[in-house]
């Protein structure tokens, strides 16, 4: 297979991850400029990013179905493509939970958790930009370690924030239930970043 044909797969990974990063940054704008009345409009905007990510993944699937030879195993291409798409999905689902629960104000600790997700998305984008040269790259391991560390940071924030919900005085039970879900989905975003890093690490090990 030519280098140009190989590049199609790796470029697609980068493009799809870019949508996840774009969705995460948009979610931060929503949180920082929060207005419950604008949520339907914001939901549409973030869904348009998710839809574009889906189209990007489907493009990969179409190419994969027609390919005779691939630069890495088909199963690995498919799994990585799916997990990158899942990251964008999980970011959209955070927004959906804010809308479904009719949240009226954003808790600052949610923005802190989201910042970790944004950093995770940025590291994923850097890692995938390096992925095409995985047989020679000396940076991939570094990105994997960074992403794993961010997932651990997200875990710590998740535990602290969930506990705060149950010790804070004066919270309505509906608010507790809403924020439990929102924190859970923010944590799932960080988990999705780690899953992508694990996919990449697995490919490197198989092909070393």
C-alpha atoms as a PDB file:
ATOM      1  CA  UNK A   1       0.000   0.000   0.000  1.00  0.00           C
ATOM      2  CA  UNK A   2       1.288   3.471  -0.884  1.00  0.00           C
ATOM      3  CA  UNK A   3       2.031   6.059   1.759  1.00  0.00           C
ATOM      4  CA  UNK A   4      -0.742   8.218   0.298  1.00  0.00           C
ATOM      5  CA  UNK A   5      -3.298   5.436   0.766  1.00  0.00           C
ATOM      6  CA  UNK A   6      -2.011   4.797   4.293  1.00  0.00           C
ATOM      7  CA  UNK A   7      -2.396   8.481   5.116  1.00  0.00           C
ATOM      8  CA  UNK A   8      -6.143   8.337   4.453  1.00  0.00           C
ATOM      9  CA  UNK A   9      -6.676   6.335   7.640  1.00  0.00           C
ATOM     10  CA  UNK A  10      -4.387   8.354   9.873  1.00  0.00           C
ATOM     11  CA  UNK A  11      -5.721  11.674   8.542  1.00  0.00           C
ATOM     12  CA  UNK A  12      -9.256  10.470   9.260  1.00  0.00           C
ATOM     13  CA  UNK A  13      -8.337   9.703  12.866  1.00  0.00           C
ATOM     14  CA  UNK A  14      -6.970  13.230  13.248  1.00  0.00           C
ATOM     15  CA  UNK A  15     -10.020  14.829  11.642  1.00  0.00           C
ATOM     16  CA  UNK A  16     -12.471  12.878  13.802  1.00  0.00           C
ATOM     17  CA  UNK A  17     -10.554  13.712  16.987  1.00  0.00           C
ATOM     18  CA  UNK A  18     -10.671  17.374  15.974  1.00  0.00           C
ATOM     19  CA  UNK A  19     -14.467  17.250  16.191  1.00  0.00           C
ATOM     20  CA  UNK A  20     -14.257  15.937  19.742  1.00  0.00           C
ATOM     21  CA  UNK A  21     -11.942  18.777  20.708  1.00  0.00           C
ATOM     22  CA  UNK A  22     -14.252  21.291  19.013  1.00  0.00           C
ATOM     23  CA  UNK A  23     -17.274  19.899  20.877  1.00  0.00           C
ATOM     24  CA  UNK A  24     -15.450  20.080  24.225  1.00  0.00           C
ATOM     25  CA  UNK A  25     -14.464  23.716  23.661  1.00  0.00           C
ATOM     26  CA  UNK A  26     -18.002  24.576  22.665  1.00  0.00           C
ATOM     27  CA  UNK A  27     -19.310  22.914  25.805  1.00  0.00           C
ATOM     28  CA  UNK A  28     -16.995  25.117  27.853  1.00  0.00           C
ATOM     29  CA  UNK A  29     -18.404  28.208  26.115  1.00  0.00           C
ATOM     30  CA  UNK A  30     -21.899  26.987  27.019  1.00  0.00           C
ATOM     31  CA  UNK A  31     -20.888  26.473  30.657  1.00  0.00           C
ATOM     32  CA  UNK A  32     -19.162  29.846  30.941  1.00  0.00           C
ATOM     33  CA  UNK A  33     -21.938  31.835  29.246  1.00  0.00           C
ATOM     34  CA  UNK A  34     -24.741  29.709  30.562  1.00  0.00           C
ATOM     35  CA  UNK A  35     -28.305  30.712  29.805  1.00  0.00           C
ATOM     36  CA  UNK A  36     -30.994  28.014  30.169  1.00  0.00           C
ATOM     37  CA  UNK A  37     -33.115  29.750  27.500  1.00  0.00           C
ATOM     38  CA  UNK A  38     -30.367  29.204  24.921  1.00  0.00           C
ATOM     39  CA  UNK A  39     -29.992  25.484  25.580  1.00  0.00           C
ATOM     40  CA  UNK A  40     -32.143  24.298  22.614  1.00  0.00           C
ATOM     41  CA  UNK A  41     -30.005  26.400  20.258  1.00  0.00           C
ATOM     42  CA  UNK A  42     -26.767  25.198  21.852  1.00  0.00           C
ATOM     43  CA  UNK A  43     -27.974  21.603  21.713  1.00  0.00           C
ATOM     44  CA  UNK A  44     -28.473  21.958  17.951  1.00  0.00           C
ATOM     45  CA  UNK A  45     -25.015  23.446  17.517  1.00  0.00           C
ATOM     46  CA  UNK A  46     -23.213  20.746  19.464  1.00  0.00           C
ATOM     47  CA  UNK A  47     -25.271  18.076  17.693  1.00  0.00           C
ATOM     48  CA  UNK A  48     -24.109  19.453  14.344  1.00  0.00           C
ATOM     49  CA  UNK A  49     -20.517  18.821  15.465  1.00  0.00           C
ATOM     50  CA  UNK A  50     -21.420  15.292  16.540  1.00  0.00           C
ATOM     51  CA  UNK A  51     -23.155  14.705  13.191  1.00  0.00           C
ATOM     52  CA  UNK A  52     -20.060  15.880  11.302  1.00  0.00           C
ATOM     53  CA  UNK A  53     -17.970  13.477  13.404  1.00  0.00           C
ATOM     54  CA  UNK A  54     -20.335  10.647  12.481  1.00  0.00           C
ATOM     55  CA  UNK A  55     -19.950  11.455   8.775  1.00  0.00           C
ATOM     56  CA  UNK A  56     -16.187  11.434   9.207  1.00  0.00           C
ATOM     57  CA  UNK A  57     -16.311   7.983  10.828  1.00  0.00           C
ATOM     58  CA  UNK A  58     -18.635   6.649   8.121  1.00  0.00           C
ATOM     59  CA  UNK A  59     -16.122   7.842   5.532  1.00  0.00           C
ATOM     60  CA  UNK A  60     -13.509   5.711   7.263  1.00  0.00           C
ATOM     61  CA  UNK A  61     -15.869   2.712   7.309  1.00  0.00           C
ATOM     62  CA  UNK A  62     -16.526   3.034   3.574  1.00  0.00           C
ATOM     63  CA  UNK A  63     -12.801   3.163   2.779  1.00  0.00           C
ATOM     64  CA  UNK A  64     -12.117   0.217   5.046  1.00  0.00           C
ATOM     65  CA  UNK A  65     -14.795  -1.914   3.374  1.00  0.00           C
ATOM     66  CA  UNK A  66     -13.176  -1.411  -0.044  1.00  0.00           C
ATOM     67  CA  UNK A  67      -9.530  -1.713   1.024  1.00  0.00           C
ATOM     68  CA  UNK A  68      -7.523  -4.792   0.116  1.00  0.00           C
ATOM     69  CA  UNK A  69      -4.501  -3.988   2.292  1.00  0.00           C
ATOM     70  CA  UNK A  70      -4.476  -1.718   5.372  1.00  0.00           C
ATOM     71  CA  UNK A  71      -1.510  -0.200   7.259  1.00  0.00           C
ATOM     72  CA  UNK A  72      -2.680  -1.787  10.532  1.00  0.00           C
ATOM     73  CA  UNK A  73      -5.227  -4.520  11.220  1.00  0.00           C
ATOM     74  CA  UNK A  74      -8.796  -3.784  10.142  1.00  0.00           C
ATOM     75  CA  UNK A  75     -10.102  -4.526  13.622  1.00  0.00           C
ATOM     76  CA  UNK A  76      -7.737  -1.953  15.108  1.00  0.00           C
ATOM     77  CA  UNK A  77      -8.753   0.697  12.576  1.00  0.00           C
ATOM     78  CA  UNK A  78     -12.416   0.028  13.268  1.00  0.00           C
ATOM     79  CA  UNK A  79     -12.002   0.022  17.066  1.00  0.00           C
ATOM     80  CA  UNK A  80      -9.977   3.232  17.111  1.00  0.00           C
ATOM     81  CA  UNK A  81     -12.388   4.998  14.761  1.00  0.00           C
ATOM     82  CA  UNK A  82     -15.343   3.940  16.924  1.00  0.00           C
ATOM     83  CA  UNK A  83     -13.683   5.050  20.157  1.00  0.00           C
ATOM     84  CA  UNK A  84     -12.794   8.474  18.747  1.00  0.00           C
ATOM     85  CA  UNK A  85     -16.444   8.880  17.721  1.00  0.00           C
ATOM     86  CA  UNK A  86     -17.544   7.757  21.188  1.00  0.00           C
ATOM     87  CA  UNK A  87     -15.549  10.619  22.728  1.00  0.00           C
ATOM     88  CA  UNK A  88     -17.556  13.167  20.727  1.00  0.00           C
ATOM     89  CA  UNK A  89     -20.778  11.350  21.634  1.00  0.00           C
ATOM     90  CA  UNK A  90     -19.999  11.495  25.360  1.00  0.00           C
ATOM     91  CA  UNK A  91     -19.272  15.230  25.191  1.00  0.00           C
ATOM     92  CA  UNK A  92     -22.632  15.791  23.516  1.00  0.00           C
ATOM     93  CA  UNK A  93     -24.275  13.650  26.205  1.00  0.00           C
ATOM     94  CA  UNK A  94     -22.965  15.992  28.917  1.00  0.00           C
ATOM     95  CA  UNK A  95     -24.786  18.826  27.172  1.00  0.00           C
ATOM     96  CA  UNK A  96     -27.895  16.675  26.838  1.00  0.00           C
ATOM     97  CA  UNK A  97     -27.940  15.970  30.598  1.00  0.00           C
ATOM     98  CA  UNK A  98     -27.749  19.682  31.373  1.00  0.00           C
ATOM     99  CA  UNK A  99     -30.738  20.221  29.085  1.00  0.00           C
ATOM    100  CA  UNK A 100     -32.778  17.191  30.224  1.00  0.00           C
ATOM    101  CA  UNK A 101     -32.419  18.098  33.906  1.00  0.00           C
ATOM    102  CA  UNK A 102     -33.283  21.744  33.223  1.00  0.00           C
ATOM    103  CA  UNK A 103     -30.149  22.945  34.994  1.00  0.00           C
ATOM    104  CA  UNK A 104     -30.360  26.633  35.846  1.00  0.00           C
ATOM    105  CA  UNK A 105     -26.782  27.365  36.907  1.00  0.00           C
ATOM    106  CA  UNK A 106     -23.471  25.629  36.234  1.00  0.00           C
ATOM    107  CA  UNK A 107     -21.424  24.510  39.207  1.00  0.00           C
ATOM    108  CA  UNK A 108     -17.791  25.732  39.001  1.00  0.00           C
ATOM    109  CA  UNK A 109     -16.435  22.258  39.723  1.00  0.00           C
ATOM    110  CA  UNK A 110     -18.089  21.028  36.512  1.00  0.00           C
ATOM    111  CA  UNK A 111     -15.971  23.517  34.560  1.00  0.00           C
ATOM    112  CA  UNK A 112     -12.894  22.172  36.352  1.00  0.00           C
ATOM    113  CA  UNK A 113     -13.774  18.640  35.262  1.00  0.00           C
ATOM    114  CA  UNK A 114     -14.470  19.848  31.735  1.00  0.00           C
ATOM    115  CA  UNK A 115     -11.048  21.521  31.595  1.00  0.00           C
ATOM    116  CA  UNK A 116      -9.496  18.096  32.211  1.00  0.00           C
ATOM    117  CA  UNK A 117     -11.570  16.674  29.347  1.00  0.00           C
ATOM    118  CA  UNK A 118     -10.427  19.497  27.053  1.00  0.00           C
ATOM    119  CA  UNK A 119      -6.796  18.795  27.927  1.00  0.00           C
ATOM    120  CA  UNK A 120      -7.447  15.105  27.257  1.00  0.00           C
ATOM    121  CA  UNK A 121      -8.886  15.910  23.827  1.00  0.00           C
ATOM    122  CA  UNK A 122      -5.871  18.076  23.034  1.00  0.00           C
ATOM    123  CA  UNK A 123      -3.502  15.269  23.998  1.00  0.00           C
ATOM    124  CA  UNK A 124      -5.521  12.802  21.897  1.00  0.00           C
ATOM    125  CA  UNK A 125      -5.198  15.124  18.886  1.00  0.00           C
ATOM    126  CA  UNK A 126      -1.436  15.411  19.400  1.00  0.00           C
ATOM    127  CA  UNK A 127      -1.107  11.657  19.811  1.00  0.00           C
ATOM    128  CA  UNK A 128      -3.059  10.908  16.633  1.00  0.00           C
ATOM    129  CA  UNK A 129      -1.021  13.463  14.681  1.00  0.00           C
ATOM    130  CA  UNK A 130       2.018  11.400  15.662  1.00  0.00           C
ATOM    131  CA  UNK A 131       0.330   8.032  15.100  1.00  0.00           C
ATOM    132  CA  UNK A 132       1.192   7.614  11.396  1.00  0.00           C
ATOM    133  CA  UNK A 133       4.858   7.385  12.390  1.00  0.00           C
ATOM    134  CA  UNK A 134       4.132   4.970  15.250  1.00  0.00           C
ATOM    135  CA  UNK A 135       6.995   2.629  14.331  1.00  0.00           C
ATOM    136  CA  UNK A 136       9.559   5.398  14.898  1.00  0.00           C
ATOM    137  CA  UNK A 137       7.848   7.961  17.111  1.00  0.00           C
ATOM    138  CA  UNK A 138       9.317   8.619  20.525  1.00  0.00           C
ATOM    139  CA  UNK A 139       6.401  10.839  21.587  1.00  0.00           C
ATOM    140  CA  UNK A 140       3.473   8.412  21.519  1.00  0.00           C
ATOM    141  CA  UNK A 141       4.357   6.888  24.887  1.00  0.00           C
ATOM    142  CA  UNK A 142       4.572  10.367  26.394  1.00  0.00           C
ATOM    143  CA  UNK A 143       1.078  11.253  25.143  1.00  0.00           C
ATOM    144  CA  UNK A 144      -0.323   7.977  26.475  1.00  0.00           C
ATOM    145  CA  UNK A 145       1.121   8.700  29.918  1.00  0.00           C
ATOM    146  CA  UNK A 146      -0.305  12.236  29.872  1.00  0.00           C
ATOM    147  CA  UNK A 147      -3.773  10.976  28.928  1.00  0.00           C
ATOM    148  CA  UNK A 148      -3.680   8.304  31.626  1.00  0.00           C
ATOM    149  CA  UNK A 149      -2.683  10.943  34.182  1.00  0.00           C
ATOM    150  CA  UNK A 150      -5.567  13.168  33.099  1.00  0.00           C
ATOM    151  CA  UNK A 151      -8.001  10.278  33.513  1.00  0.00           C
ATOM    152  CA  UNK A 152      -6.700   9.760  37.058  1.00  0.00           C
ATOM    153  CA  UNK A 153      -7.126  13.489  37.737  1.00  0.00           C
ATOM    154  CA  UNK A 154     -10.696  13.249  36.440  1.00  0.00           C
ATOM    155  CA  UNK A 155     -11.325  10.307  38.788  1.00  0.00           C
ATOM    156  CA  UNK A 156     -10.169  12.352  41.778  1.00  0.00           C
ATOM    157  CA  UNK A 157     -12.342  15.308  40.806  1.00  0.00           C
ATOM    158  CA  UNK A 158     -15.316  13.033  40.217  1.00  0.00           C
ATOM    159  CA  UNK A 159     -15.058  11.507  43.695  1.00  0.00           C
ATOM    160  CA  UNK A 160     -14.593  14.902  45.355  1.00  0.00           C
ATOM    161  CA  UNK A 161     -17.489  16.470  43.442  1.00  0.00           C
ATOM    162  CA  UNK A 162     -19.855  13.570  44.094  1.00  0.00           C
ATOM    163  CA  UNK A 163     -19.072  13.723  47.805  1.00  0.00           C
ATOM    164  CA  UNK A 164     -19.620  17.486  47.850  1.00  0.00           C
ATOM    165  CA  UNK A 165     -23.127  16.948  46.471  1.00  0.00           C
ATOM    166  CA  UNK A 166     -23.960  14.839  49.499  1.00  0.00           C
ATOM    167  CA  UNK A 167     -22.395  17.029  52.197  1.00  0.00           C
ATOM    168  CA  UNK A 168     -23.415  20.429  50.841  1.00  0.00           C
ATOM    169  CA  UNK A 169     -26.328  21.930  52.719  1.00  0.00           C
ATOM    170  CA  UNK A 170     -29.507  23.110  51.035  1.00  0.00           C
ATOM    171  CA  UNK A 171     -29.308  21.206  47.739  1.00  0.00           C
ATOM    172  CA  UNK A 172     -32.574  19.986  46.274  1.00  0.00           C
ATOM    173  CA  UNK A 173     -32.695  16.238  45.604  1.00  0.00           C
ATOM    174  CA  UNK A 174     -33.387  16.998  41.934  1.00  0.00           C
ATOM    175  CA  UNK A 175     -30.199  19.043  41.728  1.00  0.00           C
ATOM    176  CA  UNK A 176     -28.235  16.222  43.333  1.00  0.00           C
ATOM    177  CA  UNK A 177     -29.604  13.717  40.837  1.00  0.00           C
ATOM    178  CA  UNK A 178     -28.912  16.041  37.914  1.00  0.00           C
ATOM    179  CA  UNK A 179     -25.330  16.762  38.873  1.00  0.00           C
ATOM    180  CA  UNK A 180     -24.588  13.132  39.671  1.00  0.00           C
ATOM    181  CA  UNK A 181     -25.409  12.356  36.037  1.00  0.00           C
ATOM    182  CA  UNK A 182     -23.489  15.332  34.637  1.00  0.00           C
ATOM    183  CA  UNK A 183     -20.370  14.478  36.640  1.00  0.00           C
ATOM    184  CA  UNK A 184     -20.689  10.839  35.563  1.00  0.00           C
ATOM    185  CA  UNK A 185     -20.760  11.790  31.897  1.00  0.00           C
ATOM    186  CA  UNK A 186     -17.833  14.173  32.288  1.00  0.00           C
ATOM    187  CA  UNK A 187     -15.909  11.269  33.789  1.00  0.00           C
ATOM    188  CA  UNK A 188     -16.960   9.092  30.833  1.00  0.00           C
ATOM    189  CA  UNK A 189     -15.389  11.673  28.512  1.00  0.00           C
ATOM    190  CA  UNK A 190     -12.060  11.308  30.307  1.00  0.00           C
ATOM    191  CA  UNK A 191     -12.443   7.516  30.160  1.00  0.00           C
ATOM    192  CA  UNK A 192     -13.041   7.764  26.397  1.00  0.00           C
ATOM    193  CA  UNK A 193      -9.755   9.661  25.971  1.00  0.00           C
ATOM    194  CA  UNK A 194      -7.945   6.925  27.868  1.00  0.00           C
ATOM    195  CA  UNK A 195      -9.597   4.238  25.742  1.00  0.00           C
ATOM    196  CA  UNK A 196      -8.235   5.896  22.592  1.00  0.00           C
ATOM    197  CA  UNK A 197      -4.756   6.024  24.133  1.00  0.00           C
ATOM    198  CA  UNK A 198      -5.041   2.338  25.040  1.00  0.00           C
ATOM    199  CA  UNK A 199      -6.036   1.529  21.423  1.00  0.00           C
ATOM    200  CA  UNK A 200      -2.996   3.334  20.090  1.00  0.00           C
ATOM    201  CA  UNK A 201      -0.695   1.672  22.621  1.00  0.00           C
ATOM    202  CA  UNK A 202      -2.090  -1.742  21.662  1.00  0.00           C
ATOM    203  CA  UNK A 203      -1.422  -1.098  17.950  1.00  0.00           C
ATOM    204  CA  UNK A 204       2.152  -0.039  18.696  1.00  0.00           C
ATOM    205  CA  UNK A 205       2.789  -3.172  20.757  1.00  0.00           C
ATOM    206  CA  UNK A 206       1.310  -5.461  18.067  1.00  0.00           C
ATOM    207  CA  UNK A 207       3.429  -3.913  15.338  1.00  0.00           C
ATOM    208  CA  UNK A 208       6.708  -3.486  17.186  1.00  0.00           C
END
